[in-house]
Amino acid sequence: MLGTTTMSMAFSYWSLLKHLDDNAKMDLIILLTNSLKHSEKENEVSAKDFYGVWGDDGLTAEEFVNELKAERKFHREIIDL
């Protein structure tokens, strides 16, 4: 169900578009449908998107963990009670 704000916007647009001829309305339907299809694809995440992100730098697992620990920075201040 549409919210009142969304419905109000839809009616505002409809008041502008209802006087268009059928061909123009069909073109708008196609454009809106395509925009929905594209927005769905943009939100999808695939494992393929991450392929090659972590390059092989020749570190062993232990060296990698030590490097991560050395690079950590904490931004909180510990207060003695």
PDB file of N, CA and C in Angstrom:
ATOM      1  N   MET A   1       0.845  -1.181   0.000  1.00  0.00           N
ATOM      2  CA  MET A   1       0.000   0.000   0.000  1.00  0.00           C
ATOM      3  C   MET A   1       0.890   1.244   0.000  1.00  0.00           C
ATOM      4  N   LEU A   2       0.498   2.236  -0.731  1.00  0.00           N
ATOM      5  CA  LEU A   2       1.279   3.456  -0.836  1.00  0.00           C
ATOM      6  C   LEU A   2       1.018   4.373   0.334  1.00  0.00           C
ATOM      7  N   GLY A   3       2.081   5.053   0.775  1.00  0.00           N
ATOM      8  CA  GLY A   3       1.929   6.045   1.826  1.00  0.00           C
ATOM      9  C   GLY A   3       1.236   7.273   1.286  1.00  0.00           C
ATOM     10  N   THR A   4       0.772   8.130   2.180  1.00  0.00           N
ATOM     11  CA  THR A   4       0.025   9.319   1.740  1.00  0.00           C
ATOM     12  C   THR A   4       0.908  10.268   0.936  1.00  0.00           C
ATOM     13  N   THR A   5       2.184  10.385   1.306  1.00  0.00           N
ATOM     14  CA  THR A   5       3.078  11.264   0.560  1.00  0.00           C
ATOM     15  C   THR A   5       3.320  10.717  -0.840  1.00  0.00           C
ATOM     16  N   THR A   6       3.566   9.409  -0.929  1.00  0.00           N
ATOM     17  CA  THR A   6       3.788   8.783  -2.229  1.00  0.00           C
ATOM     18  C   THR A   6       2.539   8.893  -3.093  1.00  0.00           C
ATOM     19  N   MET A   7       1.404   8.655  -2.494  1.00  0.00           N
ATOM     20  CA  MET A   7       0.138   8.737  -3.241  1.00  0.00           C
ATOM     21  C   MET A   7      -0.097  10.167  -3.711  1.00  0.00           C
ATOM     22  N   SER A   8       0.199  11.133  -2.872  1.00  0.00           N
ATOM     23  CA  SER A   8       0.036  12.535  -3.240  1.00  0.00           C
ATOM     24  C   SER A   8       0.928  12.888  -4.421  1.00  0.00           C
ATOM     25  N   MET A   9       2.176  12.391  -4.398  1.00  0.00           N
ATOM     26  CA  MET A   9       3.080  12.640  -5.522  1.00  0.00           C
ATOM     27  C   MET A   9       2.556  11.982  -6.788  1.00  0.00           C
ATOM     28  N   ALA A  10       2.062  10.759  -6.656  1.00  0.00           N
ATOM     29  CA  ALA A  10       1.542  10.039  -7.819  1.00  0.00           C
ATOM     30  C   ALA A  10       0.372  10.801  -8.439  1.00  0.00           C
ATOM     31  N   PHE A  11      -0.529  11.316  -7.614  1.00  0.00           N
ATOM     32  CA  PHE A  11      -1.665  12.079  -8.136  1.00  0.00           C
ATOM     33  C   PHE A  11      -1.214  13.390  -8.767  1.00  0.00           C
ATOM     34  N   SER A  12      -0.165  14.000  -8.210  1.00  0.00           N
ATOM     35  CA  SER A  12       0.361  15.236  -8.801  1.00  0.00           C
ATOM     36  C   SER A  12       0.886  14.967 -10.208  1.00  0.00           C
ATOM     37  N   TYR A  13       1.661  13.878 -10.344  1.00  0.00           N
ATOM     38  CA  TYR A  13       2.164  13.521 -11.665  1.00  0.00           C
ATOM     39  C   TYR A  13       1.024  13.145 -12.604  1.00  0.00           C
ATOM     40  N   TRP A  14       0.050  12.411 -12.089  1.00  0.00           N
ATOM     41  CA  TRP A  14      -1.060  11.987 -12.931  1.00  0.00           C
ATOM     42  C   TRP A  14      -1.823  13.182 -13.485  1.00  0.00           C
ATOM     43  N   SER A  15      -1.977  14.215 -12.666  1.00  0.00           N
ATOM     44  CA  SER A  15      -2.706  15.395 -13.143  1.00  0.00           C
ATOM     45  C   SER A  15      -1.972  16.051 -14.317  1.00  0.00           C
ATOM     46  N   LEU A  16      -0.659  15.896 -14.364  1.00  0.00           N
ATOM     47  CA  LEU A  16       0.105  16.434 -15.485  1.00  0.00           C
ATOM     48  C   LEU A  16       0.098  15.498 -16.697  1.00  0.00           C
ATOM     49  N   LEU A  17       0.113  14.196 -16.433  1.00  0.00           N
ATOM     50  CA  LEU A  17       0.307  13.214 -17.506  1.00  0.00           C
ATOM     51  C   LEU A  17      -0.979  12.680 -18.124  1.00  0.00           C
ATOM     52  N   LYS A  18      -2.090  12.824 -17.451  1.00  0.00           N
ATOM     53  CA  LYS A  18      -3.329  12.199 -17.933  1.00  0.00           C
ATOM     54  C   LYS A  18      -3.800  12.749 -19.276  1.00  0.00           C
ATOM     55  N   HIS A  19      -3.326  13.911 -19.658  1.00  0.00           N
ATOM     56  CA  HIS A  19      -3.759  14.520 -20.917  1.00  0.00           C
ATOM     57  C   HIS A  19      -2.877  14.118 -22.096  1.00  0.00           C
ATOM     58  N   LEU A  20      -1.832  13.330 -21.850  1.00  0.00           N
ATOM     59  CA  LEU A  20      -0.976  12.877 -22.942  1.00  0.00           C
ATOM     60  C   LEU A  20      -1.702  11.849 -23.799  1.00  0.00           C
ATOM     61  N   ASP A  21      -1.272  11.725 -25.052  1.00  0.00           N
ATOM     62  CA  ASP A  21      -1.889  10.707 -25.904  1.00  0.00           C
ATOM     63  C   ASP A  21      -1.389   9.317 -25.492  1.00  0.00           C
ATOM     64  N   ASP A  22      -2.034   8.295 -26.010  1.00  0.00           N
ATOM     65  CA  ASP A  22      -1.736   6.917 -25.615  1.00  0.00           C
ATOM     66  C   ASP A  22      -0.286   6.518 -25.917  1.00  0.00           C
ATOM     67  N   ASN A  23       0.245   6.975 -27.034  1.00  0.00           N
ATOM     68  CA  ASN A  23       1.632   6.640 -27.381  1.00  0.00           C
ATOM     69  C   ASN A  23       2.619   7.218 -26.366  1.00  0.00           C
ATOM     70  N   ALA A  24       2.397   8.436 -25.959  1.00  0.00           N
ATOM     71  CA  ALA A  24       3.280   9.066 -24.977  1.00  0.00           C
ATOM     72  C   ALA A  24       3.190   8.333 -23.633  1.00  0.00           C
ATOM     73  N   LYS A  25       1.970   7.926 -23.256  1.00  0.00           N
ATOM     74  CA  LYS A  25       1.796   7.177 -22.005  1.00  0.00           C
ATOM     75  C   LYS A  25       2.506   5.829 -22.075  1.00  0.00           C
ATOM     76  N   MET A  26       2.443   5.160 -23.235  1.00  0.00           N
ATOM     77  CA  MET A  26       3.134   3.886 -23.399  1.00  0.00           C
ATOM     78  C   MET A  26       4.651   4.072 -23.300  1.00  0.00           C
ATOM     79  N   ASP A  27       5.148   5.155 -23.891  1.00  0.00           N
ATOM     80  CA  ASP A  27       6.585   5.444 -23.797  1.00  0.00           C
ATOM     81  C   ASP A  27       6.996   5.658 -22.339  1.00  0.00           C
ATOM     82  N   LEU A  28       6.166   6.361 -21.587  1.00  0.00           N
ATOM     83  CA  LEU A  28       6.457   6.579 -20.172  1.00  0.00           C
ATOM     84  C   LEU A  28       6.440   5.266 -19.389  1.00  0.00           C
ATOM     85  N   ILE A  29       5.508   4.399 -19.713  1.00  0.00           N
ATOM     86  CA  ILE A  29       5.441   3.087 -19.052  1.00  0.00           C
ATOM     87  C   ILE A  29       6.729   2.308 -19.297  1.00  0.00           C
ATOM     88  N   ILE A  30       7.197   2.332 -20.537  1.00  0.00           N
ATOM     89  CA  ILE A  30       8.431   1.624 -20.889  1.00  0.00           C
ATOM     90  C   ILE A  30       9.614   2.214 -20.130  1.00  0.00           C
ATOM     91  N   LEU A  31       9.705   3.539 -20.092  1.00  0.00           N
ATOM     92  CA  LEU A  31      10.809   4.186 -19.380  1.00  0.00           C
ATOM     93  C   LEU A  31      10.787   3.851 -17.890  1.00  0.00           C
ATOM     94  N   LEU A  32       9.616   3.901 -17.286  1.00  0.00           N
ATOM     95  CA  LEU A  32       9.502   3.581 -15.853  1.00  0.00           C
ATOM     96  C   LEU A  32       9.841   2.128 -15.580  1.00  0.00           C
ATOM     97  N   THR A  33       9.353   1.241 -16.442  1.00  0.00           N
ATOM     98  CA  THR A  33       9.641  -0.193 -16.275  1.00  0.00           C
ATOM     99  C   THR A  33      11.131  -0.454 -16.385  1.00  0.00           C
ATOM    100  N   ASN A  34      11.778   0.149 -17.372  1.00  0.00           N
ATOM    101  CA  ASN A  34      13.223  -0.024 -17.544  1.00  0.00           C
ATOM    102  C   ASN A  34      14.001   0.525 -16.352  1.00  0.00           C
ATOM    103  N   SER A  35      13.535   1.624 -15.796  1.00  0.00           N
ATOM    104  CA  SER A  35      14.245   2.195 -14.643  1.00  0.00           C
ATOM    105  C   SER A  35      14.142   1.265 -13.442  1.00  0.00           C
ATOM    106  N   LEU A  36      13.035   0.564 -13.300  1.00  0.00           N
ATOM    107  CA  LEU A  36      12.892  -0.401 -12.206  1.00  0.00           C
ATOM    108  C   LEU A  36      13.802  -1.595 -12.419  1.00  0.00           C
ATOM    109  N   LYS A  37      13.898  -2.073 -13.637  1.00  0.00           N
ATOM    110  CA  LYS A  37      14.758  -3.217 -13.943  1.00  0.00           C
ATOM    111  C   LYS A  37      16.215  -2.882 -13.675  1.00  0.00           C
ATOM    112  N   HIS A  38      16.643  -1.683 -14.051  1.00  0.00           N
ATOM    113  CA  HIS A  38      18.032  -1.275 -13.851  1.00  0.00           C
ATOM    114  C   HIS A  38      18.334  -1.067 -12.381  1.00  0.00           C
ATOM    115  N   SER A  39      17.404  -0.516 -11.624  1.00  0.00           N
ATOM    116  CA  SER A  39      17.673  -0.290 -10.207  1.00  0.00           C
ATOM    117  C   SER A  39      17.774  -1.608  -9.455  1.00  0.00           C
ATOM    118  N   GLU A  40      17.040  -2.643  -9.883  1.00  0.00           N
ATOM    119  CA  GLU A  40      17.145  -3.957  -9.253  1.00  0.00           C
ATOM    120  C   GLU A  40      18.516  -4.557  -9.510  1.00  0.00           C
ATOM    121  N   LYS A  41      19.041  -4.406 -10.714  1.00  0.00           N
ATOM    122  CA  LYS A  41      20.349  -4.964 -11.061  1.00  0.00           C
ATOM    123  C   LYS A  41      21.463  -4.254 -10.305  1.00  0.00           C
ATOM    124  N   GLU A  42      21.324  -2.948 -10.078  1.00  0.00           N
ATOM    125  CA  GLU A  42      22.354  -2.194  -9.376  1.00  0.00           C
ATOM    126  C   GLU A  42      22.477  -2.631  -7.925  1.00  0.00           C
ATOM    127  N   ASN A  43      21.386  -3.095  -7.326  1.00  0.00           N
ATOM    128  CA  ASN A  43      21.396  -3.498  -5.928  1.00  0.00           C
ATOM    129  C   ASN A  43      21.892  -4.925  -5.729  1.00  0.00           C
ATOM    130  N   GLU A  44      21.984  -5.705  -6.795  1.00  0.00           N
ATOM    131  CA  GLU A  44      22.425  -7.083  -6.675  1.00  0.00           C
ATOM    132  C   GLU A  44      23.939  -7.130  -6.516  1.00  0.00           C
ATOM    133  N   VAL A  45      24.396  -7.979  -5.598  1.00  0.00           N
ATOM    134  CA  VAL A  45      25.823  -8.159  -5.379  1.00  0.00           C
ATOM    135  C   VAL A  45      26.154  -9.610  -5.667  1.00  0.00           C
ATOM    136  N   SER A  46      27.181  -9.801  -6.447  1.00  0.00           N
ATOM    137  CA  SER A  46      27.596 -11.134  -6.816  1.00  0.00           C
ATOM    138  C   SER A  46      29.008 -11.380  -6.302  1.00  0.00           C
ATOM    139  N   ALA A  47      29.320 -12.637  -6.048  1.00  0.00           N
ATOM    140  CA  ALA A  47      30.675 -12.986  -5.622  1.00  0.00           C
ATOM    141  C   ALA A  47      31.679 -12.614  -6.706  1.00  0.00           C
ATOM    142  N   LYS A  48      31.240 -12.605  -7.956  1.00  0.00           N
ATOM    143  CA  LYS A  48      32.125 -12.230  -9.059  1.00  0.00           C
ATOM    144  C   LYS A  48      32.622 -10.788  -8.912  1.00  0.00           C
ATOM    145  N   ASP A  49      31.835  -9.940  -8.236  1.00  0.00           N
ATOM    146  CA  ASP A  49      32.234  -8.552  -8.039  1.00  0.00           C
ATOM    147  C   ASP A  49      33.507  -8.437  -7.210  1.00  0.00           C
ATOM    148  N   PHE A  50      33.790  -9.453  -6.402  1.00  0.00           N
ATOM    149  CA  PHE A  50      34.931  -9.400  -5.510  1.00  0.00           C
ATOM    150  C   PHE A  50      36.132 -10.194  -6.009  1.00  0.00           C
ATOM    151  N   TYR A  51      36.038 -10.771  -7.182  1.00  0.00           N
ATOM    152  CA  TYR A  51      37.127 -11.569  -7.717  1.00  0.00           C
ATOM    153  C   TYR A  51      38.350 -10.690  -7.952  1.00  0.00           C
ATOM    154  N   GLY A  52      39.481 -11.098  -7.399  1.00  0.00           N
ATOM    155  CA  GLY A  52      40.725 -10.372  -7.596  1.00  0.00           C
ATOM    156  C   GLY A  52      40.932  -9.206  -6.662  1.00  0.00           C
ATOM    157  N   VAL A  53      39.991  -8.958  -5.754  1.00  0.00           N
ATOM    158  CA  VAL A  53      40.118  -7.834  -4.836  1.00  0.00           C
ATOM    159  C   VAL A  53      41.313  -8.034  -3.910  1.00  0.00           C
ATOM    160  N   TRP A  54      41.461  -9.262  -3.424  1.00  0.00           N
ATOM    161  CA  TRP A  54      42.583  -9.570  -2.555  1.00  0.00           C
ATOM    162  C   TRP A  54      43.683 -10.201  -3.410  1.00  0.00           C
ATOM    163  N   GLY A  55      44.685  -9.422  -3.716  1.00  0.00           N
ATOM    164  CA  GLY A  55      45.790  -9.942  -4.507  1.00  0.00           C
ATOM    165  C   GLY A  55      46.706 -10.813  -3.656  1.00  0.00           C
ATOM    166  N   ASP A  56      47.455 -11.662  -4.300  1.00  0.00           N
ATOM    167  CA  ASP A  56      48.395 -12.520  -3.594  1.00  0.00           C
ATOM    168  C   ASP A  56      49.697 -11.758  -3.431  1.00  0.00           C
ATOM    169  N   ASP A  57      49.963 -11.311  -2.206  1.00  0.00           N
ATOM    170  CA  ASP A  57      51.178 -10.559  -1.963  1.00  0.00           C
ATOM    171  C   ASP A  57      52.290 -11.419  -1.368  1.00  0.00           C
ATOM    172  N   GLY A  58      52.075 -12.729  -1.318  1.00  0.00           N
ATOM    173  CA  GLY A  58      53.105 -13.650  -0.883  1.00  0.00           C
ATOM    174  C   GLY A  58      53.256 -13.783   0.620  1.00  0.00           C
ATOM    175  N   LEU A  59      52.363 -13.190   1.399  1.00  0.00           N
ATOM    176  CA  LEU A  59      52.448 -13.294   2.851  1.00  0.00           C
ATOM    177  C   LEU A  59      51.862 -14.616   3.335  1.00  0.00           C
ATOM    178  N   THR A  60      52.444 -15.137   4.387  1.00  0.00           N
ATOM    179  CA  THR A  60      51.831 -16.301   5.029  1.00  0.00           C
ATOM    180  C   THR A  60      50.657 -15.800   5.849  1.00  0.00           C
ATOM    181  N   ALA A  61      49.827 -16.712   6.301  1.00  0.00           N
ATOM    182  CA  ALA A  61      48.670 -16.328   7.109  1.00  0.00           C
ATOM    183  C   ALA A  61      49.114 -15.603   8.375  1.00  0.00           C
ATOM    184  N   GLU A  62      50.169 -16.100   9.003  1.00  0.00           N
ATOM    185  CA  GLU A  62      50.657 -15.473  10.237  1.00  0.00           C
ATOM    186  C   GLU A  62      51.197 -14.067   9.963  1.00  0.00           C
ATOM    187  N   GLU A  63      51.935 -13.897   8.875  1.00  0.00           N
ATOM    188  CA  GLU A  63      52.455 -12.576   8.520  1.00  0.00           C
ATOM    189  C   GLU A  63      51.312 -11.606   8.216  1.00  0.00           C
ATOM    190  N   PHE A  64      50.288 -12.109   7.539  1.00  0.00           N
ATOM    191  CA  PHE A  64      49.137 -11.281   7.201  1.00  0.00           C
ATOM    192  C   PHE A  64      48.422 -10.802   8.461  1.00  0.00           C
ATOM    193  N   VAL A  65      48.205 -11.715   9.417  1.00  0.00           N
ATOM    194  CA  VAL A  65      47.544 -11.358  10.676  1.00  0.00           C
ATOM    195  C   VAL A  65      48.385 -10.348  11.438  1.00  0.00           C
ATOM    196  N   ASN A  66      49.686 -10.558  11.498  1.00  0.00           N
ATOM    197  CA  ASN A  66      50.565  -9.611  12.198  1.00  0.00           C
ATOM    198  C   ASN A  66      50.525  -8.234  11.548  1.00  0.00           C
ATOM    199  N   GLU A  67      50.476  -8.208  10.224  1.00  0.00           N
ATOM    200  CA  GLU A  67      50.395  -6.930   9.515  1.00  0.00           C
ATOM    201  C   GLU A  67      49.079  -6.220   9.830  1.00  0.00           C
ATOM    202  N   LEU A  68      47.995  -6.959   9.845  1.00  0.00           N
ATOM    203  CA  LEU A  68      46.700  -6.370  10.191  1.00  0.00           C
ATOM    204  C   LEU A  68      46.712  -5.791  11.597  1.00  0.00           C
ATOM    205  N   LYS A  69      47.250  -6.559  12.541  1.00  0.00           N
ATOM    206  CA  LYS A  69      47.300  -6.093  13.931  1.00  0.00           C
ATOM    207  C   LYS A  69      48.164  -4.845  14.067  1.00  0.00           C
ATOM    208  N   ALA A  70      49.259  -4.792  13.339  1.00  0.00           N
ATOM    209  CA  ALA A  70      50.147  -3.635  13.411  1.00  0.00           C
ATOM    210  C   ALA A  70      49.488  -2.375  12.849  1.00  0.00           C
ATOM    211  N   GLU A  71      48.586  -2.519  11.894  1.00  0.00           N
ATOM    212  CA  GLU A  71      47.933  -1.381  11.246  1.00  0.00           C
ATOM    213  C   GLU A  71      46.681  -0.898  11.972  1.00  0.00           C
ATOM    214  N   ARG A  72      46.238  -1.641  12.979  1.00  0.00           N
ATOM    215  CA  ARG A  72      45.022  -1.236  13.683  1.00  0.00           C
ATOM    216  C   ARG A  72      45.257   0.054  14.452  1.00  0.00           C
ATOM    217  N   LYS A  73      44.248   0.899  14.405  1.00  0.00           N
ATOM    218  CA  LYS A  73      44.298   2.158  15.151  1.00  0.00           C
ATOM    219  C   LYS A  73      42.961   2.306  15.869  1.00  0.00           C
ATOM    220  N   PHE A  74      43.026   2.594  17.132  1.00  0.00           N
ATOM    221  CA  PHE A  74      41.819   2.755  17.928  1.00  0.00           C
ATOM    222  C   PHE A  74      41.618   4.234  18.234  1.00  0.00           C
ATOM    223  N   HIS A  75      40.409   4.672  18.145  1.00  0.00           N
ATOM    224  CA  HIS A  75      40.091   6.081  18.347  1.00  0.00           C
ATOM    225  C   HIS A  75      39.293   6.292  19.635  1.00  0.00           C
ATOM    226  N   ARG A  76      39.442   5.416  20.550  1.00  0.00           N
ATOM    227  CA  ARG A  76      38.713   5.592  21.796  1.00  0.00           C
ATOM    228  C   ARG A  76      39.716   5.793  22.928  1.00  0.00           C
ATOM    229  N   GLU A  77      39.305   6.559  23.880  1.00  0.00           N
ATOM    230  CA  GLU A  77      40.170   6.848  25.003  1.00  0.00           C
ATOM    231  C   GLU A  77      39.712   6.028  26.197  1.00  0.00           C
ATOM    232  N   ILE A  78      40.642   5.288  26.791  1.00  0.00           N
ATOM    233  CA  ILE A  78      40.307   4.482  27.946  1.00  0.00           C
ATOM    234  C   ILE A  78      40.530   5.319  29.204  1.00  0.00           C
ATOM    235  N   ILE A  79      39.522   5.377  30.031  1.00  0.00           N
ATOM    236  CA  ILE A  79      39.576   6.185  31.258  1.00  0.00           C
ATOM    237  C   ILE A  79      39.696   5.255  32.453  1.00  0.00           C
ATOM    238  N   ASP A  80      40.692   5.532  33.295  1.00  0.00           N
ATOM    239  CA  ASP A  80      40.835   4.726  34.522  1.00  0.00           C
ATOM    240  C   ASP A  80      39.705   5.079  35.470  1.00  0.00           C
ATOM    241  N   LEU A  81      39.135   4.051  36.081  1.00  0.00           N
ATOM    242  CA  LEU A  81      38.050   4.287  37.053  1.00  0.00           C
ATOM    243  C   LEU A  81      38.571   4.326  38.456  1.00  0.00           C
TER     244      LEU A  81
END
